[in-house]
Amino acid sequence: MNNKTKIAVLVSGGGTNLQAILDACDSGIITHGEVKCVISSKAGAYALERAKNHGIKGYVVSKKELGGQEAFEKKITDILREHEIELIVLAGFMSILSENFTKKYEERILNVHPSLIPSFCGKGYYGLRVHEAALSYGVKVTGATVHFVNEIPDGGRIILQKAVYIQDGDTPEVLQKRVMEQAEWKILPQAVEIVSKEICKNK
């Protein structure tokens, strides 16, 4: 299919969720989308190596170096336009995007969050903090959610969720790994395919 949805993946770190998407493209789980570029908010992020290994163009866009949110988002927008991007996937992207940005790409930005929204989500809930909160609250089931991104952190429409059981003796790190393996790496590629297919249909 030549008319695939053009995808940009925004990252800040190791890029394990990016790898899950790339693997899903290779294995035929994602057939309606193609990753065209990877944008990292940090130089030296291993996710850029993953992109390079797949022959995908990688960029570093640093808010600090650019001097603020407006210049940061303008630079990202320029890259997205250059590659004619139709779908943006946040995969461990540690910068909050402004309402100005999210409005421009309404229902075209996906994020994976490591809990079952509406639990343990919103401002301040990211990375290990989410799993620490789940364990300290004593919930027995957690998981991951893929949702559209709007101006409210973790506030957009939910696309997919998958539950993961908490086990005795779990630490935040152990739980984080299980949630990634059992939920994030499965439902993120599935959601990318669902939305990519919809975009293709409406072209």
C-alpha atoms as a PDB file:
ATOM      1  CA  MET A   1       0.000   0.000   0.000  1.00  0.00           C
ATOM      2  CA  ASN A   2       1.627   3.262  -1.176  1.00  0.00           C
ATOM      3  CA  ASN A   3      -0.908   5.482   0.512  1.00  0.00           C
ATOM      4  CA  LYS A   4       0.139   4.706   4.081  1.00  0.00           C
ATOM      5  CA  THR A   5      -0.447   7.178   6.918  1.00  0.00           C
ATOM      6  CA  LYS A   6       2.764   9.127   7.535  1.00  0.00           C
ATOM      7  CA  ILE A   7       3.762   8.872  11.200  1.00  0.00           C
ATOM      8  CA  ALA A   8       6.150  10.877  13.394  1.00  0.00           C
ATOM      9  CA  VAL A   9       7.201   9.410  16.743  1.00  0.00           C
ATOM     10  CA  LEU A  10       8.210  11.862  19.491  1.00  0.00           C
ATOM     11  CA  VAL A  11      10.600  10.491  22.124  1.00  0.00           C
ATOM     12  CA  SER A  12      12.820  11.537  25.021  1.00  0.00           C
ATOM     13  CA  GLY A  13      14.687   8.392  26.049  1.00  0.00           C
ATOM     14  CA  GLY A  14      15.411   4.771  25.232  1.00  0.00           C
ATOM     15  CA  GLY A  15      12.587   4.343  22.764  1.00  0.00           C
ATOM     16  CA  THR A  16      11.205   0.926  23.764  1.00  0.00           C
ATOM     17  CA  ASN A  17       7.717   1.991  22.656  1.00  0.00           C
ATOM     18  CA  LEU A  18       9.205   3.252  19.381  1.00  0.00           C
ATOM     19  CA  GLN A  19      10.805  -0.180  18.958  1.00  0.00           C
ATOM     20  CA  ALA A  20       7.407  -1.839  19.543  1.00  0.00           C
ATOM     21  CA  ILE A  21       5.958   0.307  16.734  1.00  0.00           C
ATOM     22  CA  LEU A  22       8.862  -0.440  14.354  1.00  0.00           C
ATOM     23  CA  ASP A  23       8.601  -4.172  15.102  1.00  0.00           C
ATOM     24  CA  ALA A  24       4.845  -4.019  14.464  1.00  0.00           C
ATOM     25  CA  CYS A  25       5.481  -2.373  11.079  1.00  0.00           C
ATOM     26  CA  ASP A  26       7.961  -5.145  10.217  1.00  0.00           C
ATOM     27  CA  SER A  27       5.695  -7.974  11.384  1.00  0.00           C
ATOM     28  CA  GLY A  28       2.525  -6.754   9.666  1.00  0.00           C
ATOM     29  CA  ILE A  29       0.594  -5.633  12.762  1.00  0.00           C
ATOM     30  CA  ILE A  30       0.781  -2.089  11.389  1.00  0.00           C
ATOM     31  CA  THR A  31      -0.053  -2.155   7.668  1.00  0.00           C
ATOM     32  CA  HIS A  32      -1.705   1.244   7.173  1.00  0.00           C
ATOM     33  CA  GLY A  33       1.028   3.414   8.720  1.00  0.00           C
ATOM     34  CA  GLU A  34       4.709   4.119   8.192  1.00  0.00           C
ATOM     35  CA  VAL A  35       7.146   5.912  10.528  1.00  0.00           C
ATOM     36  CA  LYS A  36       8.694   8.759   8.543  1.00  0.00           C
ATOM     37  CA  CYS A  37      10.670  10.546  11.264  1.00  0.00           C
ATOM     38  CA  VAL A  38      11.593  10.418  14.943  1.00  0.00           C
ATOM     39  CA  ILE A  39      11.933  13.613  16.980  1.00  0.00           C
ATOM     40  CA  SER A  40      13.746  13.537  20.323  1.00  0.00           C
ATOM     41  CA  SER A  41      13.573  16.270  22.965  1.00  0.00           C
ATOM     42  CA  LYS A  42      16.986  15.116  24.204  1.00  0.00           C
ATOM     43  CA  ALA A  43      20.304  14.697  22.412  1.00  0.00           C
ATOM     44  CA  GLY A  44      21.825  11.250  22.790  1.00  0.00           C
ATOM     45  CA  ALA A  45      18.488   9.491  23.360  1.00  0.00           C
ATOM     46  CA  TYR A  46      18.886   5.830  22.401  1.00  0.00           C
ATOM     47  CA  ALA A  47      15.595   6.076  20.497  1.00  0.00           C
ATOM     48  CA  LEU A  48      17.548   7.981  17.806  1.00  0.00           C
ATOM     49  CA  GLU A  49      19.804   4.943  17.347  1.00  0.00           C
ATOM     50  CA  ARG A  50      16.725   2.760  16.903  1.00  0.00           C
ATOM     51  CA  ALA A  51      15.462   5.153  14.218  1.00  0.00           C
ATOM     52  CA  LYS A  52      18.852   5.162  12.467  1.00  0.00           C
ATOM     53  CA  ASN A  53      18.979   1.348  12.509  1.00  0.00           C
ATOM     54  CA  HIS A  54      15.658   1.369  10.667  1.00  0.00           C
ATOM     55  CA  GLY A  55      16.782   3.970   8.134  1.00  0.00           C
ATOM     56  CA  ILE A  56      14.432   6.578   9.616  1.00  0.00           C
ATOM     57  CA  LYS A  57      15.423  10.245   9.855  1.00  0.00           C
ATOM     58  CA  GLY A  58      15.974  11.402  13.440  1.00  0.00           C
ATOM     59  CA  TYR A  59      15.959  14.946  14.835  1.00  0.00           C
ATOM     60  CA  VAL A  60      16.841  16.533  18.164  1.00  0.00           C
ATOM     61  CA  VAL A  61      14.639  19.461  19.188  1.00  0.00           C
ATOM     62  CA  SER A  62      15.662  20.922  22.557  1.00  0.00           C
ATOM     63  CA  LYS A  63      13.312  23.369  24.280  1.00  0.00           C
ATOM     64  CA  LYS A  64      16.218  24.665  26.373  1.00  0.00           C
ATOM     65  CA  GLU A  65      18.404  25.377  23.344  1.00  0.00           C
ATOM     66  CA  LEU A  66      15.541  26.992  21.441  1.00  0.00           C
ATOM     67  CA  GLY A  67      14.674  29.187  24.402  1.00  0.00           C
ATOM     68  CA  GLY A  68      11.062  28.286  25.084  1.00  0.00           C
ATOM     69  CA  GLN A  69       7.833  26.460  24.262  1.00  0.00           C
ATOM     70  CA  GLU A  70       6.840  28.517  21.222  1.00  0.00           C
ATOM     71  CA  ALA A  71      10.146  28.055  19.371  1.00  0.00           C
ATOM     72  CA  PHE A  72      10.221  24.376  20.438  1.00  0.00           C
ATOM     73  CA  GLU A  73       6.771  23.680  18.995  1.00  0.00           C
ATOM     74  CA  LYS A  74       7.478  25.715  15.841  1.00  0.00           C
ATOM     75  CA  LYS A  75      10.586  23.619  15.135  1.00  0.00           C
ATOM     76  CA  ILE A  76       8.611  20.373  15.657  1.00  0.00           C
ATOM     77  CA  THR A  77       5.821  21.677  13.399  1.00  0.00           C
ATOM     78  CA  ASP A  78       8.357  22.537  10.662  1.00  0.00           C
ATOM     79  CA  ILE A  79       9.714  18.967  10.734  1.00  0.00           C
ATOM     80  CA  LEU A  80       6.191  17.493  10.680  1.00  0.00           C
ATOM     81  CA  ARG A  81       5.299  19.640   7.647  1.00  0.00           C
ATOM     82  CA  GLU A  82       8.508  18.692   5.857  1.00  0.00           C
ATOM     83  CA  HIS A  83       7.579  15.006   6.137  1.00  0.00           C
ATOM     84  CA  GLU A  84       3.824  15.634   5.507  1.00  0.00           C
ATOM     85  CA  ILE A  85       3.042  13.907   8.824  1.00  0.00           C
ATOM     86  CA  GLU A  86      -0.557  12.814   9.382  1.00  0.00           C
ATOM     87  CA  LEU A  87      -0.235  11.077  12.763  1.00  0.00           C
ATOM     88  CA  ILE A  88       1.964  11.897  15.773  1.00  0.00           C
ATOM     89  CA  VAL A  89       2.775   9.257  18.392  1.00  0.00           C
ATOM     90  CA  LEU A  90       4.175  10.284  21.780  1.00  0.00           C
ATOM     91  CA  ALA A  91       6.353   7.404  22.954  1.00  0.00           C
ATOM     92  CA  GLY A  92       7.945   8.377  26.262  1.00  0.00           C
ATOM     93  CA  PHE A  93       7.958  12.040  25.216  1.00  0.00           C
ATOM     94  CA  MET A  94       8.612  14.063  28.367  1.00  0.00           C
ATOM     95  CA  SER A  95       7.419  17.489  27.209  1.00  0.00           C
ATOM     96  CA  ILE A  96       3.852  18.732  27.582  1.00  0.00           C
ATOM     97  CA  LEU A  97       2.505  20.178  24.325  1.00  0.00           C
ATOM     98  CA  SER A  98       0.498  23.401  24.431  1.00  0.00           C
ATOM     99  CA  GLU A  99      -3.169  23.752  23.549  1.00  0.00           C
ATOM    100  CA  ASN A 100      -2.077  25.759  20.523  1.00  0.00           C
ATOM    101  CA  PHE A 101      -0.170  22.705  19.238  1.00  0.00           C
ATOM    102  CA  THR A 102      -2.699  20.000  20.162  1.00  0.00           C
ATOM    103  CA  LYS A 103      -5.588  21.945  18.587  1.00  0.00           C
ATOM    104  CA  LYS A 104      -3.727  21.976  15.255  1.00  0.00           C
ATOM    105  CA  TYR A 105      -3.491  18.178  15.343  1.00  0.00           C
ATOM    106  CA  GLU A 106      -6.855  17.323  16.869  1.00  0.00           C
ATOM    107  CA  GLU A 107      -7.343  13.525  17.167  1.00  0.00           C
ATOM    108  CA  ARG A 108      -4.038  13.095  15.324  1.00  0.00           C
ATOM    109  CA  ILE A 109      -1.761  12.738  18.386  1.00  0.00           C
ATOM    110  CA  LEU A 110      -1.582   9.456  20.319  1.00  0.00           C
ATOM    111  CA  ASN A 111      -0.038   8.848  23.718  1.00  0.00           C
ATOM    112  CA  VAL A 112       0.438   5.715  25.815  1.00  0.00           C
ATOM    113  CA  HIS A 113       0.021   6.193  29.563  1.00  0.00           C
ATOM    114  CA  PRO A 114       1.138   3.501  32.057  1.00  0.00           C
ATOM    115  CA  SER A 115      -2.115   3.207  34.023  1.00  0.00           C
ATOM    116  CA  LEU A 116      -5.805   2.601  33.424  1.00  0.00           C
ATOM    117  CA  ILE A 117      -7.029   6.168  32.940  1.00  0.00           C
ATOM    118  CA  PRO A 118      -8.710   7.846  34.874  1.00  0.00           C
ATOM    119  CA  SER A 119      -6.541   6.323  37.638  1.00  0.00           C
ATOM    120  CA  PHE A 120      -3.082   7.776  38.327  1.00  0.00           C
ATOM    121  CA  CYS A 121      -3.047  10.200  35.433  1.00  0.00           C
ATOM    122  CA  GLY A 122      -2.848  13.908  34.717  1.00  0.00           C
ATOM    123  CA  LYS A 123      -0.229  16.488  35.662  1.00  0.00           C
ATOM    124  CA  GLY A 124       2.777  15.074  37.505  1.00  0.00           C
ATOM    125  CA  TYR A 125       1.946  11.432  36.742  1.00  0.00           C
ATOM    126  CA  TYR A 126       4.633  10.074  34.442  1.00  0.00           C
ATOM    127  CA  GLY A 127       7.289   7.375  34.411  1.00  0.00           C
ATOM    128  CA  LEU A 128       7.895   5.566  37.695  1.00  0.00           C
ATOM    129  CA  ARG A 129       5.678   8.007  39.607  1.00  0.00           C
ATOM    130  CA  VAL A 130       2.605   6.320  38.119  1.00  0.00           C
ATOM    131  CA  HIS A 131       3.667   2.871  39.347  1.00  0.00           C
ATOM    132  CA  GLU A 132       4.706   4.222  42.764  1.00  0.00           C
ATOM    133  CA  ALA A 133       1.226   5.735  43.126  1.00  0.00           C
ATOM    134  CA  ALA A 134      -0.514   2.502  42.083  1.00  0.00           C
ATOM    135  CA  LEU A 135       1.496   0.462  44.593  1.00  0.00           C
ATOM    136  CA  SER A 136       1.075   2.931  47.455  1.00  0.00           C
ATOM    137  CA  TYR A 137      -2.677   3.079  46.839  1.00  0.00           C
ATOM    138  CA  GLY A 138      -2.839  -0.698  46.973  1.00  0.00           C
ATOM    139  CA  VAL A 139      -4.747  -1.348  43.738  1.00  0.00           C
ATOM    140  CA  LYS A 140      -4.711  -4.953  42.522  1.00  0.00           C
ATOM    141  CA  VAL A 141      -5.005  -4.171  38.820  1.00  0.00           C
ATOM    142  CA  THR A 142      -3.206  -1.514  36.799  1.00  0.00           C
ATOM    143  CA  GLY A 143      -2.353  -1.418  33.089  1.00  0.00           C
ATOM    144  CA  ALA A 144      -1.884   0.971  30.189  1.00  0.00           C
ATOM    145  CA  THR A 145      -4.069   3.295  28.130  1.00  0.00           C
ATOM    146  CA  VAL A 146      -3.623   4.647  24.606  1.00  0.00           C
ATOM    147  CA  HIS A 147      -5.515   7.891  24.134  1.00  0.00           C
ATOM    148  CA  PHE A 148      -5.710  10.920  21.891  1.00  0.00           C
ATOM    149  CA  VAL A 149      -3.846  13.961  23.200  1.00  0.00           C
ATOM    150  CA  ASN A 150      -5.616  17.243  23.883  1.00  0.00           C
ATOM    151  CA  GLU A 151      -4.801  20.295  26.015  1.00  0.00           C
ATOM    152  CA  ILE A 152      -5.510  18.389  29.264  1.00  0.00           C
ATOM    153  CA  PRO A 153      -2.703  15.986  30.304  1.00  0.00           C
ATOM    154  CA  ASP A 154      -4.058  12.438  29.769  1.00  0.00           C
ATOM    155  CA  GLY A 155      -7.456  13.981  29.011  1.00  0.00           C
ATOM    156  CA  GLY A 156      -8.148  12.921  25.415  1.00  0.00           C
ATOM    157  CA  ARG A 157     -10.488  10.222  24.129  1.00  0.00           C
ATOM    158  CA  ILE A 158      -9.418   6.675  25.038  1.00  0.00           C
ATOM    159  CA  ILE A 159      -8.666   4.275  22.158  1.00  0.00           C
ATOM    160  CA  LEU A 160      -7.443   1.099  23.890  1.00  0.00           C
ATOM    161  CA  GLN A 161      -6.761  -0.135  27.417  1.00  0.00           C
ATOM    162  CA  LYS A 162      -5.194  -3.327  28.763  1.00  0.00           C
ATOM    163  CA  ALA A 163      -5.145  -4.505  32.361  1.00  0.00           C
ATOM    164  CA  VAL A 164      -2.083  -5.878  34.174  1.00  0.00           C
ATOM    165  CA  TYR A 165      -2.254  -7.590  37.565  1.00  0.00           C
ATOM    166  CA  ILE A 166      -0.107  -6.363  40.425  1.00  0.00           C
ATOM    167  CA  GLN A 167       1.797  -9.131  42.210  1.00  0.00           C
ATOM    168  CA  ASP A 168       3.038  -9.468  45.777  1.00  0.00           C
ATOM    169  CA  GLY A 169       6.482  -7.977  46.204  1.00  0.00           C
ATOM    170  CA  ASP A 170       6.240  -5.696  43.147  1.00  0.00           C
ATOM    171  CA  THR A 171       8.526  -2.667  43.148  1.00  0.00           C
ATOM    172  CA  PRO A 172       7.778   0.326  40.901  1.00  0.00           C
ATOM    173  CA  GLU A 173      10.576  -0.829  38.554  1.00  0.00           C
ATOM    174  CA  VAL A 174       9.297  -4.424  38.327  1.00  0.00           C
ATOM    175  CA  LEU A 175       5.749  -3.204  37.756  1.00  0.00           C
ATOM    176  CA  GLN A 176       6.885  -0.706  35.124  1.00  0.00           C
ATOM    177  CA  LYS A 177       8.562  -3.494  33.160  1.00  0.00           C
ATOM    178  CA  ARG A 178       5.507  -5.777  33.374  1.00  0.00           C
ATOM    179  CA  VAL A 179       3.142  -2.982  32.267  1.00  0.00           C
ATOM    180  CA  MET A 180       5.400  -2.265  29.286  1.00  0.00           C
ATOM    181  CA  GLU A 181       5.721  -5.915  28.241  1.00  0.00           C
ATOM    182  CA  GLN A 182       2.126  -6.991  28.847  1.00  0.00           C
ATOM    183  CA  ALA A 183       0.265  -3.808  27.898  1.00  0.00           C
ATOM    184  CA  GLU A 184       2.124  -0.828  26.380  1.00  0.00           C
ATOM    185  CA  TRP A 185       4.065  -2.709  23.700  1.00  0.00           C
ATOM    186  CA  LYS A 186       0.884  -4.511  22.633  1.00  0.00           C
ATOM    187  CA  ILE A 187      -1.807  -1.840  22.614  1.00  0.00           C
ATOM    188  CA  LEU A 188       0.283   1.069  21.280  1.00  0.00           C
ATOM    189  CA  PRO A 189       0.971  -0.632  17.902  1.00  0.00           C
ATOM    190  CA  GLN A 190      -2.672  -1.801  17.757  1.00  0.00           C
ATOM    191  CA  ALA A 191      -3.911   1.758  18.328  1.00  0.00           C
ATOM    192  CA  VAL A 192      -1.468   3.121  15.737  1.00  0.00           C
ATOM    193  CA  GLU A 193      -2.920   0.690  13.199  1.00  0.00           C
ATOM    194  CA  ILE A 194      -6.548   1.530  14.111  1.00  0.00           C
ATOM    195  CA  VAL A 195      -5.989   5.287  13.704  1.00  0.00           C
ATOM    196  CA  SER A 196      -3.724   4.918  10.621  1.00  0.00           C
ATOM    197  CA  LYS A 197      -6.395   2.811   8.909  1.00  0.00           C
ATOM    198  CA  GLU A 198      -9.053   5.443   9.694  1.00  0.00           C
ATOM    199  CA  ILE A 199      -6.839   8.214   8.275  1.00  0.00           C
ATOM    200  CA  CYS A 200      -6.194   6.169   5.102  1.00  0.00           C
ATOM    201  CA  LYS A 201      -9.936   5.597   4.691  1.00  0.00           C
ATOM    202  CA  ASN A 202     -10.650   9.317   4.890  1.00  0.00           C
ATOM    203  CA  LYS A 203      -7.915  10.519   2.512  1.00  0.00           C
END
